[in-house]
Amino acid sequence: MTTLEKFQEEAKINFIQTPSHADVELGELETADGYELFYITQDIQNLNYENEVFYYKPDFDSIMSEIRNATVFKPNESTVNVCVYDIEDWFDEYDMLNYLEGEMDEESFEEFTNDGQFDTNN
């Protein structure tokens, strides 16, 4: 099992590339004068520039916080659909492993990372 697969399982995230089926969308916009902006939103059609658009790419904790906020609106569903086109660009292997270490019991985490289950090739 890859780090990405284990991360999705533990974080209850399903990465998709279909915005119409997403609970949260992560992406990039380019301004008319060539600047790159980043966004995390639950509704791209009603993008809130004050709270959902970033000049710099948000860090892992900010991304996870926004994903957790989406679960508030899905109380009966356990998995959040996250639309992201370049997972490796938004979710670093190191951050995913740190998340797993914090969420899993020590024995399970060690087993995952030491017993051949751990695959660094997302």
Protein backbone atom coordinates (compact mmCIF):
# COMPACT_ATOMS: atom_id res chain seq x y z
CA MET A 1 0.00 0.00 0.00
CA THR A 2 1.41 3.40 -0.92
CA THR A 3 1.66 6.34 1.43
CA LEU A 4 -0.99 8.11 -0.63
CA GLU A 5 -3.41 5.17 -0.40
CA LYS A 6 -2.90 4.86 3.36
CA PHE A 7 -3.28 8.62 3.78
CA GLN A 8 -6.59 8.60 1.88
CA GLU A 9 -7.82 5.70 4.00
CA GLU A 10 -6.87 7.26 7.34
CA ALA A 11 -7.91 10.83 6.47
CA LYS A 12 -11.15 9.63 4.85
CA ILE A 13 -10.35 11.49 1.64
CA ASN A 14 -11.14 10.39 -1.87
CA PHE A 15 -9.03 12.24 -4.44
CA ILE A 16 -10.93 12.84 -7.66
CA GLN A 17 -10.52 14.96 -10.78
CA THR A 18 -14.19 15.76 -11.37
CA PRO A 19 -15.06 19.16 -9.87
CA SER A 20 -18.80 18.55 -10.11
CA HIS A 21 -18.47 15.61 -7.68
CA ALA A 22 -16.11 17.35 -5.26
CA ASP A 23 -16.79 18.52 -1.73
CA VAL A 24 -13.56 20.53 -1.81
CA GLU A 25 -11.52 21.69 -4.77
CA LEU A 26 -7.84 22.65 -4.71
CA GLY A 27 -6.42 24.50 -7.63
CA GLU A 28 -4.55 27.34 -9.22
CA LEU A 29 -5.65 30.43 -11.11
CA GLU A 30 -3.58 32.74 -13.23
CA THR A 31 -4.24 36.47 -13.14
CA ALA A 32 -4.40 38.55 -16.32
CA ASP A 33 -0.89 39.85 -15.64
CA GLY A 34 0.62 36.39 -15.15
CA TYR A 35 0.58 35.88 -11.38
CA GLU A 36 -0.39 32.52 -9.96
CA LEU A 37 -3.02 32.30 -7.22
CA PHE A 38 -4.09 29.22 -5.28
CA TYR A 39 -7.52 28.33 -3.97
CA ILE A 40 -9.26 25.90 -1.67
CA THR A 41 -13.02 26.05 -2.04
CA GLN A 42 -16.23 24.12 -1.67
CA ASP A 43 -17.84 26.04 -4.54
CA ILE A 44 -15.65 27.27 -7.40
CA GLN A 45 -18.62 29.11 -8.93
CA ASN A 46 -18.87 31.30 -5.82
CA LEU A 47 -15.20 31.67 -4.95
CA ASN A 48 -14.72 33.79 -1.84
CA TYR A 49 -11.56 35.74 -2.61
CA GLU A 50 -11.05 36.91 0.98
CA ASN A 51 -11.08 33.44 2.53
CA GLU A 52 -10.44 30.90 -0.21
CA VAL A 53 -7.76 32.44 -2.44
CA PHE A 54 -4.09 32.50 -1.50
CA TYR A 55 -1.09 34.33 -2.90
CA TYR A 56 1.15 31.48 -1.75
CA LYS A 57 0.30 27.80 -1.88
CA PRO A 58 -1.35 26.89 1.45
CA ASP A 59 0.55 24.61 3.78
CA PHE A 60 -0.58 21.08 4.60
CA ASP A 61 -2.28 22.05 7.87
CA SER A 62 -4.32 24.77 6.16
CA ILE A 63 -5.39 22.36 3.44
CA MET A 64 -6.41 19.71 5.96
CA SER A 65 -8.32 22.29 8.01
CA GLU A 66 -10.38 23.26 4.97
CA ILE A 67 -11.03 19.61 4.14
CA ARG A 68 -12.19 19.00 7.73
CA ASN A 69 -14.51 22.01 7.43
CA ALA A 70 -16.19 20.30 4.47
CA THR A 71 -17.08 17.32 6.67
CA VAL A 72 -19.29 19.58 8.79
CA PHE A 73 -21.71 19.67 5.87
CA LYS A 74 -21.54 15.90 5.39
CA PRO A 75 -22.37 14.51 8.82
CA ASN A 76 -23.69 11.18 7.53
CA GLU A 77 -20.90 10.59 5.06
CA SER A 78 -17.46 9.52 6.13
CA THR A 79 -15.40 10.34 3.03
CA VAL A 80 -14.71 13.78 1.57
CA ASN A 81 -14.24 14.01 -2.20
CA VAL A 82 -11.32 16.32 -2.92
CA CYS A 83 -10.75 17.49 -6.48
CA VAL A 84 -7.06 18.04 -7.12
CA TYR A 85 -5.28 17.65 -10.45
CA ASP A 86 -1.70 17.28 -9.21
CA ILE A 87 -1.79 15.46 -5.87
CA GLU A 88 1.99 15.41 -5.43
CA ASP A 89 2.07 19.17 -5.84
CA TRP A 90 -0.41 19.71 -2.98
CA PHE A 91 0.27 16.71 -0.71
CA ASP A 92 3.92 16.10 0.12
CA GLU A 93 5.04 12.60 1.12
CA TYR A 94 6.63 13.93 4.30
CA ASP A 95 3.42 15.69 5.38
CA MET A 96 1.31 12.62 4.66
CA LEU A 97 3.65 10.45 6.75
CA ASN A 98 3.53 12.94 9.62
CA TYR A 99 -0.26 12.91 9.43
CA LEU A 100 -0.31 9.10 9.47
CA GLU A 101 2.06 8.97 12.41
CA GLY A 102 -0.27 11.24 14.37
CA GLU A 103 -3.44 9.35 13.42
CA MET A 104 -2.30 5.75 13.68
CA ASP A 105 -1.29 3.91 16.81
CA GLU A 106 2.47 3.50 17.11
CA GLU A 107 2.49 -0.23 16.38
CA SER A 108 0.38 0.11 13.22
CA PHE A 109 2.48 3.00 11.95
CA GLU A 110 5.72 1.10 12.54
CA GLU A 111 4.28 -1.96 10.83
CA PHE A 112 3.22 0.17 7.86
CA THR A 113 6.61 1.85 7.49
CA ASN A 114 8.87 -1.11 8.37
CA ASP A 115 7.26 -4.32 7.17
CA GLY A 116 7.28 -3.84 3.42
CA GLN A 117 3.79 -2.31 3.25
CA PHE A 118 5.24 1.14 2.96
CA ASP A 119 5.86 2.22 -0.62
CA THR A 120 7.34 5.66 -1.20
CA ASN A 121 6.17 5.70 -4.81
CA ASN A 122 2.85 7.50 -4.40
